[in-house]
PDB file of N, CA and C in Angstrom:
ATOM      1  N   MET A   1       0.849  -1.173   0.000  1.00  0.00           N
ATOM      2  CA  MET A   1       0.000   0.000   0.000  1.00  0.00           C
ATOM      3  C   MET A   1       0.897   1.240   0.000  1.00  0.00           C
ATOM      4  N   THR A   2       0.558   2.201  -0.855  1.00  0.00           N
ATOM      5  CA  THR A   2       1.333   3.440  -0.911  1.00  0.00           C
ATOM      6  C   THR A   2       0.767   4.442   0.087  1.00  0.00           C
ATOM      7  N   ASN A   3       1.473   5.540   0.275  1.00  0.00           N
ATOM      8  CA  ASN A   3       1.053   6.551   1.237  1.00  0.00           C
ATOM      9  C   ASN A   3      -0.267   7.216   0.864  1.00  0.00           C
ATOM     10  N   ASP A   4      -0.595   7.275  -0.437  1.00  0.00           N
ATOM     11  CA  ASP A   4      -1.824   7.959  -0.837  1.00  0.00           C
ATOM     12  C   ASP A   4      -3.045   7.029  -0.814  1.00  0.00           C
ATOM     13  N   GLN A   5      -2.867   5.779  -0.473  1.00  0.00           N
ATOM     14  CA  GLN A   5      -3.983   4.847  -0.359  1.00  0.00           C
ATOM     15  C   GLN A   5      -4.330   4.667   1.112  1.00  0.00           C
ATOM     16  N   ILE A   6      -5.591   4.597   1.381  1.00  0.00           N
ATOM     17  CA  ILE A   6      -6.048   4.388   2.747  1.00  0.00           C
ATOM     18  C   ILE A   6      -6.824   3.079   2.767  1.00  0.00           C
ATOM     19  N   ASP A   7      -6.499   2.237   3.728  1.00  0.00           N
ATOM     20  CA  ASP A   7      -7.189   0.966   3.871  1.00  0.00           C
ATOM     21  C   ASP A   7      -8.435   1.190   4.725  1.00  0.00           C
ATOM     22  N   VAL A   8      -9.606   1.260   4.063  1.00  0.00           N
ATOM     23  CA  VAL A   8     -10.867   1.494   4.755  1.00  0.00           C
ATOM     24  C   VAL A   8     -11.658   0.197   4.746  1.00  0.00           C
ATOM     25  N   PRO A   9     -12.022  -0.318   5.903  1.00  0.00           N
ATOM     26  CA  PRO A   9     -12.844  -1.522   5.926  1.00  0.00           C
ATOM     27  C   PRO A   9     -14.180  -1.268   5.246  1.00  0.00           C
ATOM     28  N   ARG A  10     -14.652  -2.222   4.477  1.00  0.00           N
ATOM     29  CA  ARG A  10     -15.914  -2.055   3.743  1.00  0.00           C
ATOM     30  C   ARG A  10     -17.104  -1.819   4.667  1.00  0.00           C
ATOM     31  N   THR A  11     -17.049  -2.304   5.871  1.00  0.00           N
ATOM     32  CA  THR A  11     -18.168  -2.109   6.795  1.00  0.00           C
ATOM     33  C   THR A  11     -18.334  -0.652   7.194  1.00  0.00           C
ATOM     34  N   ASN A  12     -17.303   0.159   7.039  1.00  0.00           N
ATOM     35  CA  ASN A  12     -17.395   1.571   7.399  1.00  0.00           C
ATOM     36  C   ASN A  12     -17.798   2.471   6.232  1.00  0.00           C
ATOM     37  N   LEU A  13     -17.936   1.904   5.041  1.00  0.00           N
ATOM     38  CA  LEU A  13     -18.337   2.700   3.888  1.00  0.00           C
ATOM     39  C   LEU A  13     -19.812   3.052   4.007  1.00  0.00           C
ATOM     40  N   PRO A  14     -20.186   4.245   3.577  1.00  0.00           N
ATOM     41  CA  PRO A  14     -21.605   4.610   3.655  1.00  0.00           C
ATOM     42  C   PRO A  14     -22.429   3.703   2.747  1.00  0.00           C
ATOM     43  N   THR A  15     -23.588   3.304   3.240  1.00  0.00           N
ATOM     44  CA  THR A  15     -24.456   2.447   2.437  1.00  0.00           C
ATOM     45  C   THR A  15     -25.442   3.306   1.667  1.00  0.00           C
ATOM     46  N   SER A  16     -25.808   2.837   0.518  1.00  0.00           N
ATOM     47  CA  SER A  16     -26.754   3.549  -0.326  1.00  0.00           C
ATOM     48  C   SER A  16     -28.162   3.378   0.236  1.00  0.00           C
ATOM     49  N   GLU A  17     -28.910   4.423   0.211  1.00  0.00           N
ATOM     50  CA  GLU A  17     -30.301   4.345   0.638  1.00  0.00           C
ATOM     51  C   GLU A  17     -31.221   4.123  -0.550  1.00  0.00           C
ATOM     52  N   ASN A  18     -30.649   3.967  -1.741  1.00  0.00           N
ATOM     53  CA  ASN A  18     -31.461   3.723  -2.916  1.00  0.00           C
ATOM     54  C   ASN A  18     -32.154   2.383  -2.803  1.00  0.00           C
ATOM     55  N   LYS A  19     -33.295   2.277  -3.461  1.00  0.00           N
ATOM     56  CA  LYS A  19     -34.083   1.056  -3.433  1.00  0.00           C
ATOM     57  C   LYS A  19     -34.007   0.381  -4.801  1.00  0.00           C
ATOM     58  N   ASN A  20     -33.651  -0.896  -4.804  1.00  0.00           N
ATOM     59  CA  ASN A  20     -33.641  -1.688  -6.032  1.00  0.00           C
ATOM     60  C   ASN A  20     -34.959  -2.431  -6.128  1.00  0.00           C
ATOM     61  N   ALA A  21     -35.525  -2.469  -7.325  1.00  0.00           N
ATOM     62  CA  ALA A  21     -36.800  -3.160  -7.522  1.00  0.00           C
ATOM     63  C   ALA A  21     -36.762  -3.929  -8.838  1.00  0.00           C
ATOM     64  N   VAL A  22     -37.199  -5.181  -8.792  1.00  0.00           N
ATOM     65  CA  VAL A  22     -37.368  -5.968 -10.011  1.00  0.00           C
ATOM     66  C   VAL A  22     -38.817  -5.779 -10.437  1.00  0.00           C
ATOM     67  N   GLU A  23     -38.995  -5.296 -11.660  1.00  0.00           N
ATOM     68  CA  GLU A  23     -40.329  -4.968 -12.151  1.00  0.00           C
ATOM     69  C   GLU A  23     -40.554  -5.588 -13.527  1.00  0.00           C
ATOM     70  N   MET A  24     -41.819  -5.729 -13.886  1.00  0.00           N
ATOM     71  CA  MET A  24     -42.182  -6.187 -15.230  1.00  0.00           C
ATOM     72  C   MET A  24     -42.755  -4.999 -15.987  1.00  0.00           C
ATOM     73  N   HIS A  25     -42.250  -4.782 -17.207  1.00  0.00           N
ATOM     74  CA  HIS A  25     -42.742  -3.703 -18.056  1.00  0.00           C
ATOM     75  C   HIS A  25     -42.920  -4.227 -19.473  1.00  0.00           C
ATOM     76  N   GLY A  26     -43.892  -3.675 -20.164  1.00  0.00           N
ATOM     77  CA  GLY A  26     -44.131  -4.043 -21.553  1.00  0.00           C
ATOM     78  C   GLY A  26     -43.397  -3.115 -22.489  1.00  0.00           C
ATOM     79  N   CYS A  27     -42.981  -3.654 -23.632  1.00  0.00           N
ATOM     80  CA  CYS A  27     -42.361  -2.853 -24.683  1.00  0.00           C
ATOM     81  C   CYS A  27     -43.321  -1.728 -25.063  1.00  0.00           C
ATOM     82  N   ILE A  28     -42.795  -0.515 -25.202  1.00  0.00           N
ATOM     83  CA  ILE A  28     -43.670   0.621 -25.525  1.00  0.00           C
ATOM     84  C   ILE A  28     -44.185   0.558 -26.964  1.00  0.00           C
ATOM     85  N   VAL A  29     -43.616  -0.324 -27.785  1.00  0.00           N
ATOM     86  CA  VAL A  29     -44.084  -0.465 -29.161  1.00  0.00           C
ATOM     87  C   VAL A  29     -45.103  -1.600 -29.282  1.00  0.00           C
ATOM     88  N   CYS A  30     -44.755  -2.797 -28.756  1.00  0.00           N
ATOM     89  CA  CYS A  30     -45.592  -3.983 -29.000  1.00  0.00           C
ATOM     90  C   CYS A  30     -46.118  -4.660 -27.736  1.00  0.00           C
ATOM     91  N   ALA A  31     -45.738  -4.194 -26.567  1.00  0.00           N
ATOM     92  CA  ALA A  31     -46.197  -4.705 -25.273  1.00  0.00           C
ATOM     93  C   ALA A  31     -45.581  -6.042 -24.860  1.00  0.00           C
ATOM     94  N   ARG A  32     -44.549  -6.517 -25.548  1.00  0.00           N
ATOM     95  CA  ARG A  32     -43.847  -7.725 -25.094  1.00  0.00           C
ATOM     96  C   ARG A  32     -43.309  -7.466 -23.690  1.00  0.00           C
ATOM     97  N   ILE A  33     -43.443  -8.440 -22.797  1.00  0.00           N
ATOM     98  CA  ILE A  33     -43.088  -8.260 -21.394  1.00  0.00           C
ATOM     99  C   ILE A  33     -41.601  -8.521 -21.155  1.00  0.00           C
ATOM    100  N   PHE A  34     -40.984  -7.627 -20.373  1.00  0.00           N
ATOM    101  CA  PHE A  34     -39.578  -7.742 -19.980  1.00  0.00           C
ATOM    102  C   PHE A  34     -39.459  -7.546 -18.476  1.00  0.00           C
ATOM    103  N   ASN A  35     -38.488  -8.224 -17.875  1.00  0.00           N
ATOM    104  CA  ASN A  35     -38.118  -7.969 -16.486  1.00  0.00           C
ATOM    105  C   ASN A  35     -37.045  -6.895 -16.489  1.00  0.00           C
ATOM    106  N   ILE A  36     -37.161  -5.962 -15.560  1.00  0.00           N
ATOM    107  CA  ILE A  36     -36.141  -4.926 -15.440  1.00  0.00           C
ATOM    108  C   ILE A  36     -35.731  -4.792 -13.978  1.00  0.00           C
ATOM    109  N   LEU A  37     -34.532  -4.303 -13.779  1.00  0.00           N
ATOM    110  CA  LEU A  37     -34.051  -3.924 -12.457  1.00  0.00           C
ATOM    111  C   LEU A  37     -34.023  -2.402 -12.446  1.00  0.00           C
ATOM    112  N   ALA A  38     -34.814  -1.813 -11.569  1.00  0.00           N
ATOM    113  CA  ALA A  38     -34.889  -0.351 -11.473  1.00  0.00           C
ATOM    114  C   ALA A  38     -34.315   0.091 -10.133  1.00  0.00           C
ATOM    115  N   VAL A  39     -33.621   1.226 -10.145  1.00  0.00           N
ATOM    116  CA  VAL A  39     -33.048   1.802  -8.925  1.00  0.00           C
ATOM    117  C   VAL A  39     -33.728   3.147  -8.688  1.00  0.00           C
ATOM    118  N   TYR A  40     -34.290   3.300  -7.477  1.00  0.00           N
ATOM    119  CA  TYR A  40     -34.999   4.520  -7.097  1.00  0.00           C
ATOM    120  C   TYR A  40     -34.325   5.166  -5.897  1.00  0.00           C
ATOM    121  N   THR A  41     -34.370   6.488  -5.835  1.00  0.00           N
ATOM    122  CA  THR A  41     -33.897   7.209  -4.657  1.00  0.00           C
ATOM    123  C   THR A  41     -34.929   7.010  -3.549  1.00  0.00           C
ATOM    124  N   PRO A  42     -34.582   7.352  -2.301  1.00  0.00           N
ATOM    125  CA  PRO A  42     -35.552   7.209  -1.212  1.00  0.00           C
ATOM    126  C   PRO A  42     -36.852   7.978  -1.443  1.00  0.00           C
ATOM    127  N   ASP A  43     -36.794   9.084  -2.210  1.00  0.00           N
ATOM    128  CA  ASP A  43     -38.018   9.839  -2.484  1.00  0.00           C
ATOM    129  C   ASP A  43     -38.745   9.368  -3.742  1.00  0.00           C
ATOM    130  N   GLY A  44     -38.315   8.248  -4.311  1.00  0.00           N
ATOM    131  CA  GLY A  44     -39.045   7.631  -5.420  1.00  0.00           C
ATOM    132  C   GLY A  44     -38.632   8.038  -6.815  1.00  0.00           C
ATOM    133  N   ARG A  45     -37.580   8.799  -6.957  1.00  0.00           N
ATOM    134  CA  ARG A  45     -37.126   9.206  -8.296  1.00  0.00           C
ATOM    135  C   ARG A  45     -36.293   8.085  -8.917  1.00  0.00           C
ATOM    136  N   LEU A  46     -36.501   7.859 -10.211  1.00  0.00           N
ATOM    137  CA  LEU A  46     -35.758   6.842 -10.938  1.00  0.00           C
ATOM    138  C   LEU A  46     -34.306   7.271 -11.116  1.00  0.00           C
ATOM    139  N   VAL A  47     -33.369   6.406 -10.728  1.00  0.00           N
ATOM    140  CA  VAL A  47     -31.949   6.680 -10.895  1.00  0.00           C
ATOM    141  C   VAL A  47     -31.460   6.021 -12.185  1.00  0.00           C
ATOM    142  N   ASP A  48     -31.780   4.742 -12.356  1.00  0.00           N
ATOM    143  CA  ASP A  48     -31.316   3.989 -13.509  1.00  0.00           C
ATOM    144  C   ASP A  48     -32.133   2.716 -13.611  1.00  0.00           C
ATOM    145  N   CYS A  49     -32.071   2.087 -14.774  1.00  0.00           N
ATOM    146  CA  CYS A  49     -32.720   0.790 -14.933  1.00  0.00           C
ATOM    147  C   CYS A  49     -31.944  -0.037 -15.953  1.00  0.00           C
ATOM    148  N   ALA A  50     -32.133  -1.347 -15.852  1.00  0.00           N
ATOM    149  CA  ALA A  50     -31.493  -2.287 -16.774  1.00  0.00           C
ATOM    150  C   ALA A  50     -32.479  -3.402 -17.071  1.00  0.00           C
ATOM    151  N   VAL A  51     -32.558  -3.783 -18.329  1.00  0.00           N
ATOM    152  CA  VAL A  51     -33.420  -4.896 -18.724  1.00  0.00           C
ATOM    153  C   VAL A  51     -32.675  -6.184 -18.417  1.00  0.00           C
ATOM    154  N   THR A  52     -33.319  -7.075 -17.665  1.00  0.00           N
ATOM    155  CA  THR A  52     -32.682  -8.334 -17.300  1.00  0.00           C
ATOM    156  C   THR A  52     -33.164  -9.492 -18.171  1.00  0.00           C
ATOM    157  N   SER A  53     -34.173  -9.273 -18.989  1.00  0.00           N
ATOM    158  CA  SER A  53     -34.643 -10.278 -19.939  1.00  0.00           C
ATOM    159  C   SER A  53     -33.920 -10.081 -21.264  1.00  0.00           C
ATOM    160  N   PRO A  54     -33.688 -11.169 -22.014  1.00  0.00           N
ATOM    161  CA  PRO A  54     -33.018 -11.007 -23.308  1.00  0.00           C
ATOM    162  C   PRO A  54     -33.917 -10.321 -24.343  1.00  0.00           C
ATOM    163  N   GLY A  55     -33.292  -9.558 -25.223  1.00  0.00           N
ATOM    164  CA  GLY A  55     -33.993  -8.970 -26.359  1.00  0.00           C
ATOM    165  C   GLY A  55     -34.571  -7.595 -26.155  1.00  0.00           C
ATOM    166  N   GLY A  56     -34.248  -6.930 -25.058  1.00  0.00           N
ATOM    167  CA  GLY A  56     -34.811  -5.607 -24.821  1.00  0.00           C
ATOM    168  C   GLY A  56     -33.780  -4.640 -24.288  1.00  0.00           C
ATOM    169  N   HIS A  57     -34.141  -3.369 -24.287  1.00  0.00           N
ATOM    170  CA  HIS A  57     -33.271  -2.326 -23.743  1.00  0.00           C
ATOM    171  C   HIS A  57     -34.131  -1.215 -23.150  1.00  0.00           C
ATOM    172  N   CYS A  58     -33.539  -0.452 -22.245  1.00  0.00           N
ATOM    173  CA  CYS A  58     -34.245   0.667 -21.621  1.00  0.00           C
ATOM    174  C   CYS A  58     -34.352   1.827 -22.597  1.00  0.00           C
ATOM    175  N   VAL A  59     -35.465   2.515 -22.511  1.00  0.00           N
ATOM    176  CA  VAL A  59     -35.690   3.736 -23.278  1.00  0.00           C
ATOM    177  C   VAL A  59     -35.540   4.884 -22.288  1.00  0.00           C
ATOM    178  N   PRO A  60     -34.653   5.837 -22.561  1.00  0.00           N
ATOM    179  CA  PRO A  60     -34.403   6.918 -21.601  1.00  0.00           C
ATOM    180  C   PRO A  60     -35.659   7.740 -21.290  1.00  0.00           C
ATOM    181  N   ASP A  61     -35.951   7.856 -20.001  1.00  0.00           N
ATOM    182  CA  ASP A  61     -37.039   8.692 -19.511  1.00  0.00           C
ATOM    183  C   ASP A  61     -36.718   9.026 -18.061  1.00  0.00           C
ATOM    184  N   GLU A  62     -36.910  10.268 -17.657  1.00  0.00           N
ATOM    185  CA  GLU A  62     -36.554  10.702 -16.304  1.00  0.00           C
ATOM    186  C   GLU A  62     -37.563  10.259 -15.257  1.00  0.00           C
ATOM    187  N   GLN A  63     -38.796  10.007 -15.663  1.00  0.00           N
ATOM    188  CA  GLN A  63     -39.866   9.737 -14.707  1.00  0.00           C
ATOM    189  C   GLN A  63     -40.072   8.256 -14.407  1.00  0.00           C
ATOM    190  N   ARG A  64     -40.036   7.415 -15.438  1.00  0.00           N
ATOM    191  CA  ARG A  64     -40.406   6.010 -15.300  1.00  0.00           C
ATOM    192  C   ARG A  64     -39.467   5.124 -16.111  1.00  0.00           C
ATOM    193  N   PRO A  65     -39.300   3.881 -15.662  1.00  0.00           N
ATOM    194  CA  PRO A  65     -38.521   2.936 -16.479  1.00  0.00           C
ATOM    195  C   PRO A  65     -39.361   2.498 -17.677  1.00  0.00           C
ATOM    196  N   LEU A  66     -38.803   2.643 -18.858  1.00  0.00           N
ATOM    197  CA  LEU A  66     -39.476   2.224 -20.093  1.00  0.00           C
ATOM    198  C   LEU A  66     -38.573   1.250 -20.821  1.00  0.00           C
ATOM    199  N   VAL A  67     -39.169   0.346 -21.596  1.00  0.00           N
ATOM    200  CA  VAL A  67     -38.394  -0.668 -22.294  1.00  0.00           C
ATOM    201  C   VAL A  67     -38.927  -0.832 -23.720  1.00  0.00           C
ATOM    202  N   ALA A  68     -38.039  -1.244 -24.623  1.00  0.00           N
ATOM    203  CA  ALA A  68     -38.414  -1.538 -26.011  1.00  0.00           C
ATOM    204  C   ALA A  68     -37.618  -2.754 -26.481  1.00  0.00           C
ATOM    205  N   CYS A  69     -38.188  -3.483 -27.407  1.00  0.00           N
ATOM    206  CA  CYS A  69     -37.507  -4.641 -27.997  1.00  0.00           C
ATOM    207  C   CYS A  69     -36.329  -4.176 -28.843  1.00  0.00           C
ATOM    208  N   ASN A  70     -35.291  -4.986 -28.891  1.00  0.00           N
ATOM    209  CA  ASN A  70     -34.129  -4.675 -29.733  1.00  0.00           C
ATOM    210  C   ASN A  70     -34.467  -4.728 -31.214  1.00  0.00           C
ATOM    211  N   THR A  71     -35.560  -5.376 -31.580  1.00  0.00           N
ATOM    212  CA  THR A  71     -35.909  -5.548 -32.997  1.00  0.00           C
ATOM    213  C   THR A  71     -36.608  -4.334 -33.600  1.00  0.00           C
ATOM    214  N   HIS A  72     -37.093  -3.418 -32.766  1.00  0.00           N
ATOM    215  CA  HIS A  72     -37.796  -2.246 -33.285  1.00  0.00           C
ATOM    216  C   HIS A  72     -36.806  -1.196 -33.773  1.00  0.00           C
ATOM    217  N   THR A  73     -37.207  -0.475 -34.804  1.00  0.00           N
ATOM    218  CA  THR A  73     -36.361   0.591 -35.338  1.00  0.00           C
ATOM    219  C   THR A  73     -36.422   1.814 -34.409  1.00  0.00           C
ATOM    220  N   THR A  74     -35.465   2.687 -34.575  1.00  0.00           N
ATOM    221  CA  THR A  74     -35.439   3.929 -33.801  1.00  0.00           C
ATOM    222  C   THR A  74     -36.716   4.730 -34.056  1.00  0.00           C
ATOM    223  N   GLY A  75     -37.166   4.757 -35.289  1.00  0.00           N
ATOM    224  CA  GLY A  75     -38.390   5.482 -35.642  1.00  0.00           C
ATOM    225  C   GLY A  75     -39.616   4.922 -34.940  1.00  0.00           C
ATOM    226  N   GLU A  76     -39.730   3.603 -34.879  1.00  0.00           N
ATOM    227  CA  GLU A  76     -40.858   2.973 -34.186  1.00  0.00           C
ATOM    228  C   GLU A  76     -40.843   3.312 -32.691  1.00  0.00           C
ATOM    229  N   ILE A  77     -39.648   3.276 -32.112  1.00  0.00           N
ATOM    230  CA  ILE A  77     -39.519   3.568 -30.678  1.00  0.00           C
ATOM    231  C   ILE A  77     -39.827   5.036 -30.404  1.00  0.00           C
ATOM    232  N   GLU A  78     -39.334   5.942 -31.244  1.00  0.00           N
ATOM    233  CA  GLU A  78     -39.604   7.373 -31.053  1.00  0.00           C
ATOM    234  C   GLU A  78     -41.095   7.677 -31.169  1.00  0.00           C
ATOM    235  N   THR A  79     -41.760   7.057 -32.143  1.00  0.00           N
ATOM    236  CA  THR A  79     -43.199   7.256 -32.321  1.00  0.00           C
ATOM    237  C   THR A  79     -43.963   6.742 -31.108  1.00  0.00           C
ATOM    238  N   ALA A  80     -43.604   5.545 -30.644  1.00  0.00           N
ATOM    239  CA  ALA A  80     -44.270   4.969 -29.473  1.00  0.00           C
ATOM    240  C   ALA A  80     -44.009   5.813 -28.228  1.00  0.00           C
ATOM    241  N   TYR A  81     -42.786   6.340 -28.092  1.00  0.00           N
ATOM    242  CA  TYR A  81     -42.447   7.171 -26.935  1.00  0.00           C
ATOM    243  C   TYR A  81     -43.267   8.463 -26.947  1.00  0.00           C
ATOM    244  N   LYS A  82     -43.404   9.093 -28.105  1.00  0.00           N
ATOM    245  CA  LYS A  82     -44.211  10.312 -28.209  1.00  0.00           C
ATOM    246  C   LYS A  82     -45.667  10.023 -27.860  1.00  0.00           C
ATOM    247  N   ARG A  83     -46.186   8.885 -28.334  1.00  0.00           N
ATOM    248  CA  ARG A  83     -47.559   8.484 -28.026  1.00  0.00           C
ATOM    249  C   ARG A  83     -47.694   8.249 -26.513  1.00  0.00           C
ATOM    250  N   TRP A  84     -46.707   7.570 -25.920  1.00  0.00           N
ATOM    251  CA  TRP A  84     -46.728   7.300 -24.484  1.00  0.00           C
ATOM    252  C   TRP A  84     -46.706   8.612 -23.689  1.00  0.00           C
ATOM    253  N   LYS A  85     -45.821   9.548 -24.080  1.00  0.00           N
ATOM    254  CA  LYS A  85     -45.712  10.833 -23.387  1.00  0.00           C
ATOM    255  C   LYS A  85     -47.024  11.623 -23.470  1.00  0.00           C
ATOM    256  N   SER A  86     -47.653  11.639 -24.642  1.00  0.00           N
ATOM    257  CA  SER A  86     -48.887  12.411 -24.783  1.00  0.00           C
ATOM    258  C   SER A  86     -50.013  11.789 -23.964  1.00  0.00           C
ATOM    259  N   ARG A  87     -50.034  10.478 -23.861  1.00  0.00           N
ATOM    260  CA  ARG A  87     -51.074   9.798 -23.101  1.00  0.00           C
ATOM    261  C   ARG A  87     -50.815   9.894 -21.601  1.00  0.00           C
ATOM    262  N   ASN A  88     -49.559   9.807 -21.179  1.00  0.00           N
ATOM    263  CA  ASN A  88     -49.223   9.769 -19.760  1.00  0.00           C
ATOM    264  C   ASN A  88     -48.820  11.117 -19.182  1.00  0.00           C
ATOM    265  N   GLY A  89     -48.636  12.110 -20.012  1.00  0.00           N
ATOM    266  CA  GLY A  89     -48.260  13.428 -19.515  1.00  0.00           C
ATOM    267  C   GLY A  89     -49.288  13.994 -18.563  1.00  0.00           C
ATOM    268  N   LYS A  90     -50.564  13.765 -18.844  1.00  0.00           N
ATOM    269  CA  LYS A  90     -51.631  14.253 -17.973  1.00  0.00           C
ATOM    270  C   LYS A  90     -51.591  13.549 -16.629  1.00  0.00           C
ATOM    271  N   GLU A  91     -51.321  12.232 -16.623  1.00  0.00           N
ATOM    272  CA  GLU A  91     -51.226  11.478 -15.373  1.00  0.00           C
ATOM    273  C   GLU A  91     -50.062  11.975 -14.534  1.00  0.00           C
ATOM    274  N   LEU A  92     -48.919  12.262 -15.165  1.00  0.00           N
ATOM    275  CA  LEU A  92     -47.748  12.745 -14.436  1.00  0.00           C
ATOM    276  C   LEU A  92     -48.018  14.109 -13.821  1.00  0.00           C
ATOM    277  N   ASP A  93     -48.730  14.971 -14.547  1.00  0.00           N
ATOM    278  CA  ASP A  93     -49.080  16.296 -14.021  1.00  0.00           C
ATOM    279  C   ASP A  93     -49.946  16.162 -12.777  1.00  0.00           C
ATOM    280  N   ILE A  94     -50.919  15.240 -12.814  1.00  0.00           N
ATOM    281  CA  ILE A  94     -51.809  15.033 -11.681  1.00  0.00           C
ATOM    282  C   ILE A  94     -51.030  14.498 -10.487  1.00  0.00           C
ATOM    283  N   GLU A  95     -50.113  13.536 -10.709  1.00  0.00           N
ATOM    284  CA  GLU A  95     -49.300  12.979  -9.621  1.00  0.00           C
ATOM    285  C   GLU A  95     -48.431  14.042  -8.983  1.00  0.00           C
ATOM    286  N   GLN A  96     -47.838  14.924  -9.787  1.00  0.00           N
ATOM    287  CA  GLN A  96     -46.976  15.970  -9.255  1.00  0.00           C
ATOM    288  C   GLN A  96     -47.766  16.994  -8.460  1.00  0.00           C
ATOM    289  N   GLU A  97     -49.020  17.259  -8.854  1.00  0.00           N
ATOM    290  CA  GLU A  97     -49.860  18.176  -8.113  1.00  0.00           C
ATOM    291  C   GLU A  97     -50.203  17.623  -6.740  1.00  0.00           C
ATOM    292  N   ASP A  98     -50.361  16.283  -6.663  1.00  0.00           N
ATOM    293  CA  ASP A  98     -50.700  15.634  -5.398  1.00  0.00           C
ATOM    294  C   ASP A  98     -49.556  15.682  -4.397  1.00  0.00           C
ATOM    295  N   GLU A  99     -48.313  15.817  -4.839  1.00  0.00           N
ATOM    296  CA  GLU A  99     -47.145  15.794  -3.948  1.00  0.00           C
ATOM    297  C   GLU A  99     -46.983  17.054  -3.166  1.00  0.00           C
TER     298      GLU A  99
END
């Protein structure tokens, strides 16, 4: 060990208060079901997500974990995302007003 390294026992490292959740979500284009691992802050904000089922990937969104099949084109995913946003934007506004 060099002078600039400090040996810190792992038990003394701060633990994350984030919550990990395994969730099922449908593809935003075709509704095929995927398992995802989502990480939320203690106040419920999405930090990150990863698709744990084969054949899918996360679609970037700040509010909710979204997923799409790897077989869909970028255009199909963008169209489905815009449709999802227009349909769910009103629900998100209502949820934020309740907070």
